[in-house]
Amino acid sequence: MEDIVNKVAQSSIVTIDLEEFYDETPRVLFDIKPLLFQELILKEKEFRAYIKTHDWSLYKDKYVALTCTADAIVPTWAYMLLTLSLQPFAKRIVFGNIEILETILFQEKINALDTTPYKDARIVIKGCGNKPVPISAYVALTEKIKPVAKSIMYGEPCSTVPLYKQLAQH
């Protein structure tokens, strides 16, 4: 009987799993809507009173996305004031929803990625997973590794979709 050979394991394919870039730090959406008068107007005096009395330590070591889900005009300084209050506690603060927060967090990790190990490599960017990886992360990673990769595929090493192949150099 012949030994079963795992050709995928023997190949020079390098797998990048974006789930490994996911940081388990809790995410919080801070919606300014409940602080508005009739969900329309920000009253400065009441807002500043809230800022002074709110327990900002609730956001310690968390990622915070600042937003307003009401159809209201909120002055820019209100978000700046929230940021100043959150900053001693929160790990990261962004303006936008949780999806924007995820995009920024992944973008920061991808920007910091050393591409040296991927030079002239056949790369599979792993697809399916259990953690929320935004499509923007796949786009950013593809853009980052294309200049150094020999080829880029998407999926699992046993079943990939070819995306890019470096032209042979003469």
N, C-alpha and C. Protein backbone atom coordinates (compact mmCIF):
# COMPACT_ATOMS: atom_id res chain seq x y z
N MET A 1 0.82 -1.17 0.00
CA MET A 1 0.00 0.00 0.00
C MET A 1 0.88 1.26 0.00
N GLU A 2 0.50 2.21 -0.83
CA GLU A 2 1.26 3.45 -0.91
C GLU A 2 0.92 4.38 0.25
N ASP A 3 1.95 5.13 0.68
CA ASP A 3 1.70 6.16 1.69
C ASP A 3 0.92 7.30 1.05
N ILE A 4 0.02 7.86 1.83
CA ILE A 4 -0.72 9.03 1.36
C ILE A 4 0.17 10.25 1.55
N VAL A 5 0.35 11.02 0.48
CA VAL A 5 1.20 12.20 0.52
C VAL A 5 0.33 13.45 0.52
N ASN A 6 0.58 14.30 1.49
CA ASN A 6 -0.13 15.57 1.56
C ASN A 6 0.63 16.58 0.71
N LYS A 7 0.19 16.73 -0.53
CA LYS A 7 0.89 17.63 -1.46
C LYS A 7 0.75 19.08 -1.05
N VAL A 8 -0.36 19.42 -0.41
CA VAL A 8 -0.55 20.81 0.04
C VAL A 8 0.50 21.15 1.10
N ALA A 9 0.73 20.24 2.05
CA ALA A 9 1.71 20.47 3.11
C ALA A 9 3.12 20.55 2.55
N GLN A 10 3.40 19.81 1.46
CA GLN A 10 4.73 19.82 0.88
C GLN A 10 4.96 21.02 -0.05
N SER A 11 3.92 21.66 -0.46
CA SER A 11 4.07 22.78 -1.40
C SER A 11 4.68 23.98 -0.70
N SER A 12 5.09 24.93 -1.51
CA SER A 12 5.70 26.15 -0.97
C SER A 12 4.65 27.24 -0.75
N ILE A 13 3.42 26.83 -0.57
CA ILE A 13 2.34 27.79 -0.38
C ILE A 13 2.39 28.34 1.06
N VAL A 14 2.28 29.65 1.16
CA VAL A 14 2.24 30.32 2.45
C VAL A 14 0.81 30.81 2.67
N THR A 15 0.23 30.45 3.81
CA THR A 15 -1.13 30.86 4.11
C THR A 15 -1.11 32.05 5.06
N ILE A 16 -1.91 33.06 4.71
CA ILE A 16 -2.11 34.20 5.61
C ILE A 16 -3.57 34.15 6.05
N ASP A 17 -3.75 34.07 7.35
CA ASP A 17 -5.09 34.01 7.93
C ASP A 17 -5.37 35.34 8.62
N LEU A 18 -6.24 36.14 8.04
CA LEU A 18 -6.55 37.45 8.61
C LEU A 18 -7.19 37.35 10.00
N GLU A 19 -7.75 36.22 10.33
CA GLU A 19 -8.30 36.05 11.69
C GLU A 19 -7.21 36.20 12.74
N GLU A 20 -5.97 35.87 12.36
CA GLU A 20 -4.86 36.01 13.30
C GLU A 20 -4.55 37.48 13.60
N PHE A 21 -5.04 38.38 12.76
CA PHE A 21 -4.84 39.81 12.95
C PHE A 21 -5.90 40.39 13.89
N TYR A 22 -6.93 39.60 14.19
CA TYR A 22 -8.05 40.07 15.00
C TYR A 22 -7.62 40.21 16.46
N ASP A 23 -7.91 41.35 17.02
CA ASP A 23 -7.60 41.64 18.42
C ASP A 23 -8.88 41.42 19.23
N GLU A 24 -8.80 40.65 20.29
CA GLU A 24 -9.98 40.29 21.09
C GLU A 24 -10.45 41.41 22.03
N THR A 25 -9.80 42.56 22.00
CA THR A 25 -10.22 43.68 22.83
C THR A 25 -11.70 43.99 22.59
N PRO A 26 -12.48 44.18 23.65
CA PRO A 26 -13.90 44.49 23.47
C PRO A 26 -14.12 45.79 22.68
N ARG A 27 -15.18 45.78 21.87
CA ARG A 27 -15.57 46.93 21.09
C ARG A 27 -16.83 47.54 21.68
N VAL A 28 -16.90 48.88 21.68
CA VAL A 28 -18.06 49.58 22.21
C VAL A 28 -18.48 50.65 21.21
N LEU A 29 -19.77 50.70 20.94
CA LEU A 29 -20.32 51.76 20.12
C LEU A 29 -20.89 52.81 21.06
N PHE A 30 -20.33 54.01 21.03
CA PHE A 30 -20.83 55.10 21.86
C PHE A 30 -21.69 55.98 20.96
N ASP A 31 -22.99 55.86 21.14
CA ASP A 31 -23.96 56.62 20.34
C ASP A 31 -24.37 57.87 21.09
N ILE A 32 -24.18 59.00 20.47
CA ILE A 32 -24.50 60.28 21.10
C ILE A 32 -26.01 60.57 21.11
N LYS A 33 -26.77 59.79 20.37
CA LYS A 33 -28.22 59.99 20.23
C LYS A 33 -28.96 60.18 21.56
N PRO A 34 -28.74 59.34 22.58
CA PRO A 34 -29.48 59.51 23.84
C PRO A 34 -29.15 60.83 24.57
N LEU A 35 -28.06 61.46 24.17
CA LEU A 35 -27.66 62.71 24.83
C LEU A 35 -28.28 63.94 24.17
N LEU A 36 -29.00 63.73 23.09
CA LEU A 36 -29.60 64.85 22.37
C LEU A 36 -30.99 65.17 22.90
N PHE A 37 -31.35 66.42 22.86
CA PHE A 37 -32.70 66.86 23.23
C PHE A 37 -33.63 66.50 22.07
N GLN A 38 -34.63 65.69 22.36
CA GLN A 38 -35.60 65.18 21.38
C GLN A 38 -34.91 64.54 20.16
N GLU A 39 -33.75 63.94 20.42
CA GLU A 39 -32.95 63.27 19.38
C GLU A 39 -32.62 64.18 18.20
N LEU A 40 -32.61 65.49 18.45
CA LEU A 40 -32.36 66.46 17.38
C LEU A 40 -31.26 67.46 17.69
N ILE A 41 -31.20 67.89 18.94
CA ILE A 41 -30.35 69.03 19.28
C ILE A 41 -29.42 68.67 20.43
N LEU A 42 -28.17 69.08 20.30
CA LEU A 42 -27.24 68.93 21.39
C LEU A 42 -27.23 70.24 22.17
N LYS A 43 -27.60 70.13 23.43
CA LYS A 43 -27.57 71.31 24.30
C LYS A 43 -26.23 71.29 25.03
N GLU A 44 -25.43 72.33 24.79
CA GLU A 44 -24.06 72.35 25.29
C GLU A 44 -23.98 72.21 26.81
N LYS A 45 -24.79 72.95 27.53
CA LYS A 45 -24.72 72.93 29.00
C LYS A 45 -24.98 71.51 29.54
N GLU A 46 -26.05 70.86 29.06
CA GLU A 46 -26.37 69.51 29.51
C GLU A 46 -25.32 68.49 29.06
N PHE A 47 -24.81 68.68 27.86
CA PHE A 47 -23.78 67.78 27.33
C PHE A 47 -22.51 67.86 28.18
N ARG A 48 -22.10 69.07 28.49
CA ARG A 48 -20.90 69.24 29.32
C ARG A 48 -21.11 68.68 30.73
N ALA A 49 -22.33 68.80 31.25
CA ALA A 49 -22.64 68.22 32.56
C ALA A 49 -22.51 66.69 32.50
N TYR A 50 -23.01 66.10 31.41
CA TYR A 50 -22.89 64.64 31.22
C TYR A 50 -21.41 64.25 31.18
N ILE A 51 -20.64 64.98 30.41
CA ILE A 51 -19.20 64.70 30.27
C ILE A 51 -18.53 64.69 31.65
N LYS A 52 -18.89 65.64 32.49
CA LYS A 52 -18.26 65.75 33.82
C LYS A 52 -18.67 64.63 34.77
N THR A 53 -19.89 64.12 34.63
CA THR A 53 -20.40 63.16 35.61
C THR A 53 -20.35 61.70 35.15
N HIS A 54 -20.16 61.47 33.86
CA HIS A 54 -20.16 60.10 33.35
C HIS A 54 -18.92 59.33 33.83
N ASP A 55 -19.08 58.05 34.09
CA ASP A 55 -17.96 57.20 34.52
C ASP A 55 -17.22 56.68 33.28
N TRP A 56 -16.19 57.40 32.90
CA TRP A 56 -15.44 57.06 31.68
C TRP A 56 -14.57 55.81 31.87
N SER A 57 -14.37 55.39 33.10
CA SER A 57 -13.58 54.18 33.34
C SER A 57 -14.27 52.92 32.80
N LEU A 58 -15.56 53.03 32.47
CA LEU A 58 -16.29 51.91 31.86
C LEU A 58 -15.67 51.50 30.51
N TYR A 59 -14.90 52.39 29.92
CA TYR A 59 -14.32 52.16 28.60
C TYR A 59 -12.85 51.77 28.68
N LYS A 60 -12.39 51.47 29.90
CA LYS A 60 -10.99 51.10 30.09
C LYS A 60 -10.62 49.89 29.24
N ASP A 61 -9.53 50.04 28.50
CA ASP A 61 -8.98 48.97 27.66
C ASP A 61 -9.98 48.44 26.63
N LYS A 62 -10.79 49.33 26.07
CA LYS A 62 -11.75 48.95 25.03
C LYS A 62 -11.52 49.81 23.79
N TYR A 63 -11.98 49.28 22.67
CA TYR A 63 -12.00 50.07 21.45
C TYR A 63 -13.37 50.74 21.39
N VAL A 64 -13.39 52.05 21.10
CA VAL A 64 -14.64 52.80 21.10
C VAL A 64 -14.86 53.46 19.74
N ALA A 65 -16.05 53.26 19.21
CA ALA A 65 -16.48 53.93 17.99
C ALA A 65 -17.51 54.98 18.39
N LEU A 66 -17.26 56.23 18.04
CA LEU A 66 -18.18 57.32 18.34
C LEU A 66 -19.08 57.56 17.14
N THR A 67 -20.38 57.66 17.39
CA THR A 67 -21.32 57.88 16.31
C THR A 67 -22.57 58.59 16.81
N CYS A 68 -23.43 58.95 15.87
CA CYS A 68 -24.75 59.46 16.20
C CYS A 68 -25.73 58.80 15.22
N THR A 69 -26.60 57.96 15.74
CA THR A 69 -27.54 57.24 14.88
C THR A 69 -28.81 58.05 14.63
N ALA A 70 -28.93 59.21 15.27
CA ALA A 70 -30.08 60.09 15.01
C ALA A 70 -29.76 60.96 13.81
N ASP A 71 -30.78 61.38 13.12
CA ASP A 71 -30.62 62.28 11.99
C ASP A 71 -30.54 63.70 12.55
N ALA A 72 -29.39 64.02 13.13
CA ALA A 72 -29.20 65.31 13.80
C ALA A 72 -27.84 65.88 13.40
N ILE A 73 -27.74 67.17 13.49
CA ILE A 73 -26.46 67.82 13.25
C ILE A 73 -25.77 67.97 14.59
N VAL A 74 -24.66 67.27 14.74
CA VAL A 74 -23.90 67.31 15.99
C VAL A 74 -22.62 68.09 15.70
N PRO A 75 -22.34 69.09 16.52
CA PRO A 75 -21.11 69.86 16.27
C PRO A 75 -19.86 69.00 16.45
N THR A 76 -18.89 69.27 15.64
CA THR A 76 -17.63 68.51 15.67
C THR A 76 -16.99 68.52 17.05
N TRP A 77 -17.07 69.65 17.74
CA TRP A 77 -16.43 69.75 19.05
C TRP A 77 -17.00 68.75 20.05
N ALA A 78 -18.25 68.31 19.85
CA ALA A 78 -18.85 67.34 20.77
C ALA A 78 -18.09 66.01 20.72
N TYR A 79 -17.73 65.58 19.50
CA TYR A 79 -16.96 64.33 19.36
C TYR A 79 -15.54 64.51 19.90
N MET A 80 -15.02 65.71 19.74
CA MET A 80 -13.69 65.99 20.27
C MET A 80 -13.69 65.96 21.80
N LEU A 81 -14.74 66.49 22.38
CA LEU A 81 -14.87 66.49 23.84
C LEU A 81 -15.02 65.05 24.37
N LEU A 82 -15.82 64.25 23.66
CA LEU A 82 -15.95 62.84 24.03
C LEU A 82 -14.59 62.13 23.96
N THR A 83 -13.85 62.42 22.90
CA THR A 83 -12.53 61.81 22.72
C THR A 83 -11.61 62.17 23.88
N LEU A 84 -11.62 63.42 24.27
CA LEU A 84 -10.77 63.85 25.39
C LEU A 84 -11.15 63.14 26.68
N SER A 85 -12.43 62.87 26.87
CA SER A 85 -12.88 62.17 28.07
C SER A 85 -12.56 60.68 28.03
N LEU A 86 -12.64 60.11 26.84
CA LEU A 86 -12.38 58.68 26.67
C LEU A 86 -10.89 58.34 26.64
N GLN A 87 -10.11 59.25 26.12
CA GLN A 87 -8.71 58.98 25.83
C GLN A 87 -7.88 58.42 26.98
N PRO A 88 -8.06 58.86 28.21
CA PRO A 88 -7.26 58.24 29.28
C PRO A 88 -7.60 56.77 29.54
N PHE A 89 -8.73 56.31 29.04
CA PHE A 89 -9.20 54.96 29.34
C PHE A 89 -9.22 54.03 28.12
N ALA A 90 -9.79 54.49 27.03
CA ALA A 90 -9.98 53.64 25.85
C ALA A 90 -8.64 53.31 25.19
N LYS A 91 -8.59 52.13 24.61
CA LYS A 91 -7.39 51.68 23.91
C LYS A 91 -7.28 52.36 22.55
N ARG A 92 -8.42 52.62 21.91
CA ARG A 92 -8.47 53.28 20.59
C ARG A 92 -9.85 53.89 20.44
N ILE A 93 -9.91 55.09 19.85
CA ILE A 93 -11.18 55.78 19.63
C ILE A 93 -11.24 56.18 18.16
N VAL A 94 -12.36 55.89 17.52
CA VAL A 94 -12.55 56.29 16.12
C VAL A 94 -13.93 56.91 15.97
N PHE A 95 -14.10 57.68 14.91
CA PHE A 95 -15.41 58.20 14.58
C PHE A 95 -16.02 57.27 13.55
N GLY A 96 -17.22 56.78 13.83
CA GLY A 96 -17.89 55.88 12.90
C GLY A 96 -18.54 54.74 13.64
N ASN A 97 -18.99 53.75 12.87
CA ASN A 97 -19.66 52.59 13.46
C ASN A 97 -18.63 51.48 13.74
N ILE A 98 -19.12 50.34 14.18
CA ILE A 98 -18.22 49.23 14.51
C ILE A 98 -17.49 48.72 13.26
N GLU A 99 -18.15 48.73 12.13
CA GLU A 99 -17.51 48.29 10.88
C GLU A 99 -16.32 49.19 10.53
N ILE A 100 -16.48 50.48 10.71
CA ILE A 100 -15.37 51.41 10.46
C ILE A 100 -14.25 51.16 11.46
N LEU A 101 -14.62 50.92 12.70
CA LEU A 101 -13.62 50.60 13.72
C LEU A 101 -12.82 49.36 13.32
N GLU A 102 -13.52 48.30 12.90
CA GLU A 102 -12.83 47.08 12.47
C GLU A 102 -11.90 47.36 11.28
N THR A 103 -12.39 48.13 10.34
CA THR A 103 -11.58 48.47 9.17
C THR A 103 -10.29 49.17 9.59
N ILE A 104 -10.40 50.12 10.48
CA ILE A 104 -9.22 50.86 10.94
C ILE A 104 -8.27 49.95 11.70
N LEU A 105 -8.79 49.09 12.57
CA LEU A 105 -7.93 48.18 13.34
C LEU A 105 -7.17 47.23 12.43
N PHE A 106 -7.86 46.66 11.44
CA PHE A 106 -7.18 45.77 10.51
C PHE A 106 -6.18 46.52 9.65
N GLN A 107 -6.56 47.72 9.21
CA GLN A 107 -5.67 48.52 8.37
C GLN A 107 -4.36 48.82 9.10
N GLU A 108 -4.45 49.14 10.38
CA GLU A 108 -3.24 49.41 11.16
C GLU A 108 -2.33 48.19 11.23
N LYS A 109 -2.93 47.01 11.44
CA LYS A 109 -2.12 45.78 11.51
C LYS A 109 -1.49 45.46 10.15
N ILE A 110 -2.25 45.63 9.08
CA ILE A 110 -1.75 45.34 7.74
C ILE A 110 -0.65 46.33 7.36
N ASN A 111 -0.83 47.60 7.70
CA ASN A 111 0.20 48.60 7.41
C ASN A 111 1.52 48.25 8.10
N ALA A 112 1.45 47.66 9.28
CA ALA A 112 2.65 47.31 10.05
C ALA A 112 3.25 45.96 9.62
N LEU A 113 2.57 45.24 8.74
CA LEU A 113 3.02 43.90 8.34
C LEU A 113 4.34 43.95 7.56
N ASP A 114 5.29 43.14 8.00
CA ASP A 114 6.56 43.00 7.29
C ASP A 114 6.33 42.03 6.13
N THR A 115 6.52 42.48 4.91
CA THR A 115 6.26 41.64 3.73
C THR A 115 7.48 40.80 3.33
N THR A 116 8.60 40.97 4.01
CA THR A 116 9.81 40.22 3.66
C THR A 116 9.58 38.70 3.58
N PRO A 117 8.87 38.09 4.54
CA PRO A 117 8.67 36.64 4.45
C PRO A 117 7.82 36.20 3.25
N TYR A 118 7.17 37.12 2.60
CA TYR A 118 6.28 36.79 1.49
C TYR A 118 6.91 37.04 0.12
N LYS A 119 8.18 37.45 0.12
CA LYS A 119 8.87 37.74 -1.14
C LYS A 119 8.96 36.48 -1.99
N ASP A 120 8.45 36.59 -3.21
CA ASP A 120 8.45 35.49 -4.19
C ASP A 120 7.71 34.25 -3.69
N ALA A 121 6.78 34.42 -2.80
CA ALA A 121 6.01 33.30 -2.25
C ALA A 121 4.69 33.12 -2.99
N ARG A 122 4.22 31.88 -2.97
CA ARG A 122 2.87 31.57 -3.44
C ARG A 122 1.99 31.68 -2.21
N ILE A 123 1.08 32.65 -2.22
CA ILE A 123 0.32 33.00 -1.02
C ILE A 123 -1.16 32.66 -1.18
N VAL A 124 -1.70 32.06 -0.14
CA VAL A 124 -3.14 31.85 -0.04
C VAL A 124 -3.63 32.73 1.09
N ILE A 125 -4.56 33.61 0.76
CA ILE A 125 -5.22 34.40 1.80
C ILE A 125 -6.44 33.60 2.20
N LYS A 126 -6.40 33.11 3.45
CA LYS A 126 -7.46 32.23 3.95
C LYS A 126 -8.80 32.95 3.96
N GLY A 127 -9.82 32.23 3.57
CA GLY A 127 -11.15 32.82 3.47
C GLY A 127 -11.99 32.64 4.70
N CYS A 128 -12.71 31.57 4.76
CA CYS A 128 -13.72 31.35 5.81
C CYS A 128 -13.12 31.38 7.21
N GLY A 129 -13.92 31.86 8.15
CA GLY A 129 -13.48 31.88 9.52
C GLY A 129 -14.62 32.21 10.45
N ASN A 130 -14.28 32.37 11.71
CA ASN A 130 -15.30 32.62 12.73
C ASN A 130 -15.27 34.04 13.29
N LYS A 131 -14.25 34.81 12.94
CA LYS A 131 -14.13 36.16 13.47
C LYS A 131 -14.53 37.18 12.40
N PRO A 132 -15.01 38.34 12.83
CA PRO A 132 -15.47 39.35 11.86
C PRO A 132 -14.32 40.07 11.16
N VAL A 133 -13.94 39.55 10.00
CA VAL A 133 -12.89 40.19 9.20
C VAL A 133 -13.58 40.97 8.08
N PRO A 134 -13.41 42.29 8.07
CA PRO A 134 -14.08 43.07 7.03
C PRO A 134 -13.45 42.85 5.65
N ILE A 135 -14.25 42.98 4.62
CA ILE A 135 -13.75 42.83 3.24
C ILE A 135 -12.60 43.80 3.00
N SER A 136 -12.68 44.98 3.62
CA SER A 136 -11.62 45.98 3.45
C SER A 136 -10.25 45.43 3.85
N ALA A 137 -10.22 44.49 4.81
CA ALA A 137 -8.94 43.90 5.23
C ALA A 137 -8.37 43.02 4.12
N TYR A 138 -9.23 42.30 3.41
CA TYR A 138 -8.76 41.47 2.29
C TYR A 138 -8.21 42.35 1.18
N VAL A 139 -8.88 43.47 0.94
CA VAL A 139 -8.42 44.41 -0.08
C VAL A 139 -7.06 44.99 0.31
N ALA A 140 -6.94 45.46 1.54
CA ALA A 140 -5.70 46.06 2.02
C ALA A 140 -4.54 45.07 2.01
N LEU A 141 -4.80 43.84 2.44
CA LEU A 141 -3.75 42.82 2.45
C LEU A 141 -3.30 42.49 1.03
N THR A 142 -4.24 42.36 0.12
CA THR A 142 -3.90 42.07 -1.28
C THR A 142 -3.02 43.19 -1.84
N GLU A 143 -3.40 44.41 -1.58
CA GLU A 143 -2.62 45.56 -2.06
C GLU A 143 -1.21 45.54 -1.44
N LYS A 144 -1.11 45.16 -0.19
CA LYS A 144 0.17 45.18 0.52
C LYS A 144 1.13 44.09 0.01
N ILE A 145 0.61 42.89 -0.27
CA ILE A 145 1.52 41.79 -0.61
C ILE A 145 1.75 41.61 -2.12
N LYS A 146 0.90 42.19 -2.96
CA LYS A 146 1.06 42.00 -4.41
C LYS A 146 2.46 42.36 -4.91
N PRO A 147 3.06 43.47 -4.46
CA PRO A 147 4.39 43.81 -4.99
C PRO A 147 5.48 42.77 -4.70
N VAL A 148 5.29 41.92 -3.71
CA VAL A 148 6.33 40.95 -3.35
C VAL A 148 5.96 39.50 -3.67
N ALA A 149 4.69 39.21 -3.86
CA ALA A 149 4.23 37.83 -4.02
C ALA A 149 4.48 37.29 -5.43
N LYS A 150 4.75 35.99 -5.48
CA LYS A 150 4.83 35.31 -6.77
C LYS A 150 3.42 35.06 -7.29
N SER A 151 2.54 34.65 -6.38
CA SER A 151 1.14 34.48 -6.74
C SER A 151 0.28 34.68 -5.50
N ILE A 152 -0.98 35.05 -5.75
CA ILE A 152 -1.94 35.24 -4.66
C ILE A 152 -3.20 34.45 -5.00
N MET A 153 -3.64 33.68 -4.02
CA MET A 153 -4.87 32.91 -4.15
C MET A 153 -5.75 33.20 -2.94
N TYR A 154 -7.02 32.88 -3.07
CA TYR A 154 -7.97 33.09 -1.98
C TYR A 154 -8.65 31.77 -1.67
N GLY A 155 -8.88 31.51 -0.40
CA GLY A 155 -9.60 30.30 0.00
C GLY A 155 -8.80 29.48 0.99
N GLU A 156 -8.83 28.18 0.78
CA GLU A 156 -8.08 27.23 1.61
C GLU A 156 -7.02 26.60 0.71
N PRO A 157 -5.87 26.18 1.27
CA PRO A 157 -4.82 25.61 0.41
C PRO A 157 -5.29 24.45 -0.47
N CYS A 158 -6.30 23.71 -0.04
CA CYS A 158 -6.79 22.58 -0.83
C CYS A 158 -7.80 23.00 -1.90
N SER A 159 -8.30 24.21 -1.81
CA SER A 159 -9.32 24.68 -2.75
C SER A 159 -9.25 26.20 -2.85
N THR A 160 -8.48 26.67 -3.81
CA THR A 160 -8.25 28.11 -3.89
C THR A 160 -8.78 28.71 -5.19
N VAL A 161 -8.98 30.01 -5.14
CA VAL A 161 -9.33 30.78 -6.32
C VAL A 161 -8.08 31.58 -6.68
N PRO A 162 -7.50 31.33 -7.85
CA PRO A 162 -6.32 32.11 -8.23
C PRO A 162 -6.70 33.56 -8.51
N LEU A 163 -5.89 34.48 -8.00
CA LEU A 163 -6.18 35.91 -8.16
C LEU A 163 -5.09 36.64 -8.93
N TYR A 164 -3.85 36.26 -8.68
CA TYR A 164 -2.73 37.00 -9.25
C TYR A 164 -1.55 36.07 -9.45
N LYS A 165 -0.85 36.25 -10.57
CA LYS A 165 0.38 35.51 -10.81
C LYS A 165 1.38 36.47 -11.42
N GLN A 166 2.55 36.54 -10.79
CA GLN A 166 3.61 37.42 -11.25
C GLN A 166 4.06 36.95 -12.63
N LEU A 167 4.26 37.89 -13.53
CA LEU A 167 4.74 37.53 -14.86
C LEU A 167 6.19 37.08 -14.76
N ALA A 168 6.55 36.10 -15.59
CA ALA A 168 7.93 35.61 -15.59
C ALA A 168 8.87 36.73 -16.00
N GLN A 169 9.98 36.85 -15.29
CA GLN A 169 10.97 37.88 -15.61
C GLN A 169 12.06 37.28 -16.47
N HIS A 170 12.43 38.00 -17.51
CA HIS A 170 13.47 37.50 -18.43
C HIS A 170 14.79 38.13 -18.15
